[in-house]
Amino acid sequence: MRLPPYAWLAIAIVAEVIATSALRASEGFSRLVPAVLVVIGYGISFYCLSLTLRSVPVGIVYAIWSGVGIVLITLVAMVMYRQVPDLPAIAGLGLIVAGVVVLNLFSKMQAH
């Protein structure tokens, strides 16, 4: 399937967030269904990342994947596990988002 590189990246991010959420629910891989979701989710995520890396620099891809993933998994943890971030955590998340934005808007790194 031919998708734009950033569509593959979006799929990779969603798969990683699902896998990370399932990792918490797997209770140390002692619960089968969440453990299977972890393996499948990370597999899909890394496969989609590899497709993204065909045309987007690794630094850009990893910054977006990890930065957006951190923010989304924090939101999921708030809803699913009632883990509410405090003010320093929110500030840190803001800095991560700002770093990804700066990298994408102002960096001279270009897709090949």
C-alpha atoms as a PDB file:
ATOM      1  CA  MET A   1       0.000   0.000   0.000  1.00  0.00           C
ATOM      2  CA  ARG A   2       1.371   3.412  -0.975  1.00  0.00           C
ATOM      3  CA  LEU A   3       0.804   5.987   1.717  1.00  0.00           C
ATOM      4  CA  PRO A   4       2.594   9.281   2.291  1.00  0.00           C
ATOM      5  CA  PRO A   5       5.507   8.973   4.758  1.00  0.00           C
ATOM      6  CA  TYR A   6       3.729  10.961   7.460  1.00  0.00           C
ATOM      7  CA  ALA A   7       0.684   8.669   7.225  1.00  0.00           C
ATOM      8  CA  TRP A   8       3.005   5.732   7.997  1.00  0.00           C
ATOM      9  CA  LEU A   9       4.411   7.762  10.876  1.00  0.00           C
ATOM     10  CA  ALA A  10       0.912   8.434  12.237  1.00  0.00           C
ATOM     11  CA  ILE A  11       0.127   4.707  12.119  1.00  0.00           C
ATOM     12  CA  ALA A  12       3.430   4.005  13.890  1.00  0.00           C
ATOM     13  CA  ILE A  13       2.552   6.465  16.650  1.00  0.00           C
ATOM     14  CA  VAL A  14      -0.938   5.039  17.189  1.00  0.00           C
ATOM     15  CA  ALA A  15       0.430   1.469  17.252  1.00  0.00           C
ATOM     16  CA  GLU A  16       3.111   2.469  19.760  1.00  0.00           C
ATOM     17  CA  VAL A  17       0.561   4.151  22.044  1.00  0.00           C
ATOM     18  CA  ILE A  18      -1.659   1.061  21.933  1.00  0.00           C
ATOM     19  CA  ALA A  19       1.340  -1.196  22.651  1.00  0.00           C
ATOM     20  CA  THR A  20       2.550   0.942  25.543  1.00  0.00           C
ATOM     21  CA  SER A  21      -0.932   1.064  27.054  1.00  0.00           C
ATOM     22  CA  ALA A  22      -1.170  -2.703  26.741  1.00  0.00           C
ATOM     23  CA  LEU A  23       2.273  -3.055  28.318  1.00  0.00           C
ATOM     24  CA  ARG A  24       0.934  -1.550  31.528  1.00  0.00           C
ATOM     25  CA  ALA A  25      -2.158  -3.753  31.327  1.00  0.00           C
ATOM     26  CA  SER A  26      -0.116  -6.923  30.685  1.00  0.00           C
ATOM     27  CA  GLU A  27       1.102  -6.886  34.310  1.00  0.00           C
ATOM     28  CA  GLY A  28       4.594  -8.073  33.468  1.00  0.00           C
ATOM     29  CA  PHE A  29       3.422 -10.182  30.503  1.00  0.00           C
ATOM     30  CA  SER A  30       1.312 -12.316  32.850  1.00  0.00           C
ATOM     31  CA  ARG A  31      -1.936 -11.523  30.973  1.00  0.00           C
ATOM     32  CA  LEU A  32      -2.099 -13.021  27.481  1.00  0.00           C
ATOM     33  CA  VAL A  33      -4.278 -10.583  25.526  1.00  0.00           C
ATOM     34  CA  PRO A  34      -2.457  -7.388  26.592  1.00  0.00           C
ATOM     35  CA  ALA A  35       0.919  -9.140  26.087  1.00  0.00           C
ATOM     36  CA  VAL A  36      -0.049 -10.099  22.532  1.00  0.00           C
ATOM     37  CA  LEU A  37      -1.169  -6.489  21.892  1.00  0.00           C
ATOM     38  CA  VAL A  38       2.252  -5.294  23.064  1.00  0.00           C
ATOM     39  CA  VAL A  39       4.135  -7.519  20.630  1.00  0.00           C
ATOM     40  CA  ILE A  40       1.822  -6.814  17.688  1.00  0.00           C
ATOM     41  CA  GLY A  41       1.631  -3.082  18.417  1.00  0.00           C
ATOM     42  CA  TYR A  42       5.376  -2.585  18.631  1.00  0.00           C
ATOM     43  CA  GLY A  43       5.863  -4.763  15.552  1.00  0.00           C
ATOM     44  CA  ILE A  44       3.466  -2.618  13.534  1.00  0.00           C
ATOM     45  CA  SER A  45       5.003   0.545  14.931  1.00  0.00           C
ATOM     46  CA  PHE A  46       8.568  -0.356  13.992  1.00  0.00           C
ATOM     47  CA  TYR A  47       7.521  -1.620  10.564  1.00  0.00           C
ATOM     48  CA  CYS A  48       5.718   1.657   9.835  1.00  0.00           C
ATOM     49  CA  LEU A  49       8.701   3.616  11.165  1.00  0.00           C
ATOM     50  CA  SER A  50      10.942   1.755   8.727  1.00  0.00           C
ATOM     51  CA  LEU A  51       8.666   2.775   5.848  1.00  0.00           C
ATOM     52  CA  THR A  52       8.727   6.390   7.007  1.00  0.00           C
ATOM     53  CA  LEU A  53      12.534   6.335   7.114  1.00  0.00           C
ATOM     54  CA  ARG A  54      12.675   5.686   3.367  1.00  0.00           C
ATOM     55  CA  SER A  55      12.069   9.376   2.747  1.00  0.00           C
ATOM     56  CA  VAL A  56      12.250  11.312   6.033  1.00  0.00           C
ATOM     57  CA  PRO A  57      15.468  11.790   8.072  1.00  0.00           C
ATOM     58  CA  VAL A  58      15.772   9.588  11.132  1.00  0.00           C
ATOM     59  CA  GLY A  59      16.157  12.548  13.509  1.00  0.00           C
ATOM     60  CA  ILE A  60      12.890  14.092  12.352  1.00  0.00           C
ATOM     61  CA  VAL A  61      11.032  10.767  12.426  1.00  0.00           C
ATOM     62  CA  TYR A  62      12.253   9.831  15.874  1.00  0.00           C
ATOM     63  CA  ALA A  63      11.540  13.280  17.327  1.00  0.00           C
ATOM     64  CA  ILE A  64       7.959  13.221  16.078  1.00  0.00           C
ATOM     65  CA  TRP A  65       7.368   9.552  16.968  1.00  0.00           C
ATOM     66  CA  SER A  66       8.716   9.837  20.490  1.00  0.00           C
ATOM     67  CA  GLY A  67       7.400  13.349  21.226  1.00  0.00           C
ATOM     68  CA  VAL A  68       3.854  12.764  20.031  1.00  0.00           C
ATOM     69  CA  GLY A  69       3.903   9.286  21.580  1.00  0.00           C
ATOM     70  CA  ILE A  70       4.889  10.690  24.985  1.00  0.00           C
ATOM     71  CA  VAL A  71       2.082  13.233  24.933  1.00  0.00           C
ATOM     72  CA  LEU A  72      -0.524  10.724  23.744  1.00  0.00           C
ATOM     73  CA  ILE A  73       0.484   8.020  26.221  1.00  0.00           C
ATOM     74  CA  THR A  74       0.259  10.609  29.003  1.00  0.00           C
ATOM     75  CA  LEU A  75      -3.298  11.412  27.915  1.00  0.00           C
ATOM     76  CA  VAL A  76      -4.159   7.698  27.743  1.00  0.00           C
ATOM     77  CA  ALA A  77      -2.667   7.152  31.220  1.00  0.00           C
ATOM     78  CA  MET A  78      -4.791  10.008  32.548  1.00  0.00           C
ATOM     79  CA  VAL A  79      -7.967   8.377  31.239  1.00  0.00           C
ATOM     80  CA  MET A  80      -7.212   4.680  31.748  1.00  0.00           C
ATOM     81  CA  TYR A  81      -5.080   4.712  34.902  1.00  0.00           C
ATOM     82  CA  ARG A  82      -5.995   8.054  36.480  1.00  0.00           C
ATOM     83  CA  GLN A  83      -2.337   9.133  36.400  1.00  0.00           C
ATOM     84  CA  VAL A  84      -2.671  12.901  36.338  1.00  0.00           C
ATOM     85  CA  PRO A  85       0.547  14.791  35.570  1.00  0.00           C
ATOM     86  CA  ASP A  86       1.583  17.564  37.937  1.00  0.00           C
ATOM     87  CA  LEU A  87       2.735  21.023  36.835  1.00  0.00           C
ATOM     88  CA  PRO A  88       6.417  20.056  36.255  1.00  0.00           C
ATOM     89  CA  ALA A  89       5.286  17.088  34.134  1.00  0.00           C
ATOM     90  CA  ILE A  90       3.021  19.333  32.077  1.00  0.00           C
ATOM     91  CA  ALA A  91       5.878  21.826  31.622  1.00  0.00           C
ATOM     92  CA  GLY A  92       8.158  18.998  30.506  1.00  0.00           C
ATOM     93  CA  LEU A  93       5.589  17.769  28.002  1.00  0.00           C
ATOM     94  CA  GLY A  94       5.286  21.319  26.694  1.00  0.00           C
ATOM     95  CA  LEU A  95       9.051  21.479  26.203  1.00  0.00           C
ATOM     96  CA  ILE A  96       8.994  18.185  24.314  1.00  0.00           C
ATOM     97  CA  VAL A  97       6.264  19.467  22.008  1.00  0.00           C
ATOM     98  CA  ALA A  98       8.139  22.738  21.533  1.00  0.00           C
ATOM     99  CA  GLY A  99      11.288  20.802  20.632  1.00  0.00           C
ATOM    100  CA  VAL A 100       9.473  18.777  17.983  1.00  0.00           C
ATOM    101  CA  VAL A 101       7.901  21.940  16.548  1.00  0.00           C
ATOM    102  CA  VAL A 102      11.258  23.762  16.425  1.00  0.00           C
ATOM    103  CA  LEU A 103      12.927  20.774  14.795  1.00  0.00           C
ATOM    104  CA  ASN A 104      10.254  20.556  12.115  1.00  0.00           C
ATOM    105  CA  LEU A 105       9.838  24.279  11.432  1.00  0.00           C
ATOM    106  CA  PHE A 106      13.366  25.599  11.733  1.00  0.00           C
ATOM    107  CA  SER A 107      15.779  22.733  11.125  1.00  0.00           C
ATOM    108  CA  LYS A 108      17.597  22.553   7.819  1.00  0.00           C
ATOM    109  CA  MET A 109      17.287  18.745   7.825  1.00  0.00           C
ATOM    110  CA  GLN A 110      15.399  17.785   4.695  1.00  0.00           C
ATOM    111  CA  ALA A 111      13.748  14.634   3.441  1.00  0.00           C
ATOM    112  CA  HIS A 112      15.867  12.832   0.855  1.00  0.00           C
END
